[in-house]
N, C-alpha and C. Protein backbone atom coordinates (compact mmCIF):
# COMPACT_ATOMS: atom_id res chain seq x y z
N MET A 1 33.18 -11.63 7.08
CA MET A 1 33.74 -10.43 6.45
C MET A 1 34.95 -9.98 7.26
N ASP A 2 36.01 -9.62 6.55
CA ASP A 2 37.21 -9.08 7.17
C ASP A 2 36.86 -7.73 7.80
N THR A 3 37.39 -7.46 9.00
CA THR A 3 37.04 -6.20 9.67
C THR A 3 37.52 -4.99 8.89
N ASP A 4 38.60 -5.12 8.09
CA ASP A 4 39.06 -3.98 7.29
C ASP A 4 38.06 -3.61 6.21
N ASP A 5 37.23 -4.57 5.76
CA ASP A 5 36.22 -4.31 4.75
C ASP A 5 34.92 -3.78 5.35
N GLU A 6 34.89 -3.65 6.65
CA GLU A 6 33.68 -3.25 7.37
C GLU A 6 33.31 -1.81 7.05
N TRP A 7 32.00 -1.58 6.88
CA TRP A 7 31.47 -0.22 6.72
C TRP A 7 31.12 0.32 8.10
N LEU A 8 31.51 1.55 8.37
CA LEU A 8 31.26 2.19 9.65
C LEU A 8 30.26 3.32 9.50
N THR A 9 29.35 3.41 10.45
CA THR A 9 28.47 4.56 10.51
C THR A 9 29.26 5.73 11.10
N LEU A 10 28.71 6.91 11.06
CA LEU A 10 29.39 8.08 11.62
C LEU A 10 29.71 7.88 13.11
N PRO A 11 28.76 7.41 13.95
CA PRO A 11 29.12 7.20 15.36
C PRO A 11 30.23 6.16 15.54
N GLN A 12 30.24 5.12 14.73
CA GLN A 12 31.29 4.10 14.83
C GLN A 12 32.64 4.68 14.41
N ALA A 13 32.65 5.46 13.34
CA ALA A 13 33.89 6.09 12.89
C ALA A 13 34.40 7.07 13.94
N ALA A 14 33.49 7.82 14.55
CA ALA A 14 33.88 8.77 15.59
C ALA A 14 34.51 8.04 16.78
N THR A 15 33.95 6.92 17.15
CA THR A 15 34.51 6.13 18.25
C THR A 15 35.89 5.62 17.89
N LEU A 16 36.04 5.08 16.68
CA LEU A 16 37.34 4.58 16.25
C LEU A 16 38.38 5.69 16.22
N MET A 17 37.99 6.87 15.76
CA MET A 17 38.92 7.99 15.63
C MET A 17 39.08 8.77 16.94
N ARG A 18 38.24 8.44 17.92
CA ARG A 18 38.23 9.14 19.21
C ARG A 18 38.03 10.65 19.02
N MET A 19 37.05 10.96 18.17
CA MET A 19 36.68 12.33 17.88
C MET A 19 35.17 12.47 17.99
N THR A 20 34.70 13.69 18.08
CA THR A 20 33.26 13.91 18.09
C THR A 20 32.72 13.86 16.66
N ARG A 21 31.44 13.61 16.56
CA ARG A 21 30.81 13.61 15.24
C ARG A 21 30.89 15.00 14.61
N ALA A 22 30.81 16.03 15.43
CA ALA A 22 30.91 17.40 14.91
C ALA A 22 32.30 17.67 14.33
N ALA A 23 33.34 17.17 14.98
CA ALA A 23 34.70 17.36 14.47
C ALA A 23 34.88 16.65 13.14
N ILE A 24 34.31 15.46 13.01
CA ILE A 24 34.40 14.72 11.75
C ILE A 24 33.60 15.43 10.67
N ALA A 25 32.47 16.00 11.03
CA ALA A 25 31.67 16.76 10.06
C ALA A 25 32.46 17.96 9.54
N GLN A 26 33.21 18.63 10.41
CA GLN A 26 34.04 19.76 9.99
C GLN A 26 35.14 19.29 9.03
N MET A 27 35.72 18.12 9.32
CA MET A 27 36.74 17.58 8.42
C MET A 27 36.15 17.25 7.06
N ARG A 28 34.93 16.71 7.03
CA ARG A 28 34.26 16.45 5.75
C ARG A 28 34.06 17.75 4.99
N TYR A 29 33.63 18.80 5.68
CA TYR A 29 33.39 20.10 5.07
C TYR A 29 34.68 20.67 4.49
N ARG A 30 35.77 20.57 5.25
CA ARG A 30 37.07 21.10 4.80
C ARG A 30 37.77 20.19 3.80
N GLY A 31 37.38 18.92 3.77
CA GLY A 31 38.00 17.97 2.85
C GLY A 31 39.33 17.43 3.34
N ASP A 32 39.57 17.46 4.65
CA ASP A 32 40.86 16.98 5.17
C ASP A 32 40.74 15.76 6.07
N GLY A 33 39.64 15.08 6.00
CA GLY A 33 39.45 13.87 6.80
C GLY A 33 39.53 12.63 5.92
N PRO A 34 39.16 11.49 6.49
CA PRO A 34 39.17 10.26 5.70
C PRO A 34 38.07 10.28 4.63
N THR A 35 38.25 9.47 3.61
CA THR A 35 37.25 9.34 2.55
C THR A 35 35.93 8.88 3.17
N PHE A 36 34.84 9.46 2.70
CA PHE A 36 33.52 9.06 3.18
C PHE A 36 32.61 8.80 2.00
N TYR A 37 31.51 8.13 2.29
CA TYR A 37 30.55 7.75 1.26
C TYR A 37 29.17 8.26 1.68
N ARG A 38 28.59 9.13 0.86
CA ARG A 38 27.27 9.70 1.15
C ARG A 38 26.24 8.88 0.38
N LEU A 39 25.49 8.07 1.10
CA LEU A 39 24.47 7.23 0.47
C LEU A 39 23.16 7.97 0.29
N SER A 40 22.92 8.93 1.16
CA SER A 40 21.74 9.79 1.06
C SER A 40 22.06 11.07 1.82
N ALA A 41 21.11 11.96 1.89
CA ALA A 41 21.35 13.24 2.57
C ALA A 41 21.75 13.05 4.03
N LYS A 42 21.28 11.98 4.65
CA LYS A 42 21.55 11.77 6.07
C LYS A 42 22.38 10.53 6.36
N THR A 43 22.78 9.80 5.35
CA THR A 43 23.53 8.56 5.57
C THR A 43 24.96 8.70 5.07
N ILE A 44 25.90 8.73 6.01
CA ILE A 44 27.32 8.81 5.72
C ILE A 44 27.97 7.53 6.23
N LEU A 45 28.79 6.91 5.40
CA LEU A 45 29.52 5.71 5.81
C LEU A 45 31.01 5.90 5.55
N TYR A 46 31.79 5.16 6.29
CA TYR A 46 33.24 5.14 6.14
C TYR A 46 33.69 3.69 6.05
N LYS A 47 34.76 3.43 5.29
CA LYS A 47 35.36 2.10 5.30
C LYS A 47 36.41 2.07 6.40
N ARG A 48 36.34 1.06 7.24
CA ARG A 48 37.26 0.94 8.37
C ARG A 48 38.71 1.05 7.92
N ALA A 49 39.08 0.33 6.86
CA ALA A 49 40.47 0.34 6.39
C ALA A 49 40.91 1.74 5.97
N GLU A 50 40.01 2.51 5.37
CA GLU A 50 40.34 3.86 4.93
C GLU A 50 40.49 4.81 6.12
N VAL A 51 39.67 4.63 7.14
CA VAL A 51 39.81 5.44 8.35
C VAL A 51 41.15 5.15 9.02
N LEU A 52 41.49 3.85 9.14
CA LEU A 52 42.76 3.48 9.75
C LEU A 52 43.94 4.00 8.93
N ALA A 53 43.85 3.92 7.61
CA ALA A 53 44.93 4.43 6.75
C ALA A 53 45.08 5.94 6.93
N TRP A 54 43.96 6.65 7.01
CA TRP A 54 44.01 8.10 7.21
C TRP A 54 44.66 8.41 8.56
N MET A 55 44.29 7.66 9.59
CA MET A 55 44.89 7.88 10.91
C MET A 55 46.41 7.63 10.86
N GLU A 56 46.82 6.57 10.19
CA GLU A 56 48.25 6.27 10.05
C GLU A 56 48.97 7.39 9.30
N SER A 57 48.30 8.00 8.33
CA SER A 57 48.93 9.06 7.55
C SER A 57 49.18 10.32 8.38
N ARG A 58 48.56 10.40 9.53
CA ARG A 58 48.71 11.57 10.40
C ARG A 58 49.83 11.39 11.42
N ALA A 59 50.63 10.32 11.30
CA ALA A 59 51.71 10.06 12.24
C ALA A 59 52.74 11.19 12.20
N CYS A 60 53.25 11.54 13.36
CA CYS A 60 54.24 12.61 13.48
C CYS A 60 55.44 12.11 14.29
N THR A 61 56.58 12.72 14.05
CA THR A 61 57.76 12.40 14.84
C THR A 61 58.23 13.59 15.66
N ARG A 62 57.67 14.76 15.39
CA ARG A 62 58.02 15.97 16.14
C ARG A 62 56.74 16.72 16.48
N THR A 63 56.77 17.50 17.50
CA THR A 63 55.56 18.24 17.89
C THR A 63 55.14 19.26 16.86
N ASP A 64 56.06 19.78 16.08
CA ASP A 64 55.68 20.76 15.07
C ASP A 64 55.33 20.13 13.73
N ASP A 65 55.36 18.79 13.61
CA ASP A 65 54.96 18.12 12.37
C ASP A 65 53.51 18.43 12.01
N VAL A 66 52.65 18.54 12.99
CA VAL A 66 51.23 18.79 12.72
C VAL A 66 51.05 20.13 12.02
N LEU A 67 51.78 21.13 12.44
CA LEU A 67 51.66 22.46 11.82
C LEU A 67 52.11 22.43 10.36
N ALA A 68 53.11 21.64 10.06
CA ALA A 68 53.63 21.58 8.70
C ALA A 68 52.67 20.88 7.75
N SER A 69 51.83 19.97 8.27
CA SER A 69 50.95 19.20 7.39
C SER A 69 49.61 19.85 7.15
N THR A 70 49.31 20.96 7.80
CA THR A 70 48.00 21.61 7.61
C THR A 70 48.08 22.72 6.62
C-alpha cells in the first residue's frame, strides 16, 4: 500500500502533525482541521495524504499570514 493511502489513528495523526490529540480534537470541533472519518463514537481516522495536504495548505510567507487565514 502506498503510504499516502495509509489510514492514521488519532495518535499517529497527532505525531505527524506534531500536535497534541487535544489540539486536534479542538480543530475537529471547530471544523478547521484536516478531514477526518468517524467510524464509531470512539474511532477517528485520518488519511495520511489529506493530513499532508491540509498541512501544506497552511503554508505562510509572512508572519501575519496566519492571522489573515483564521
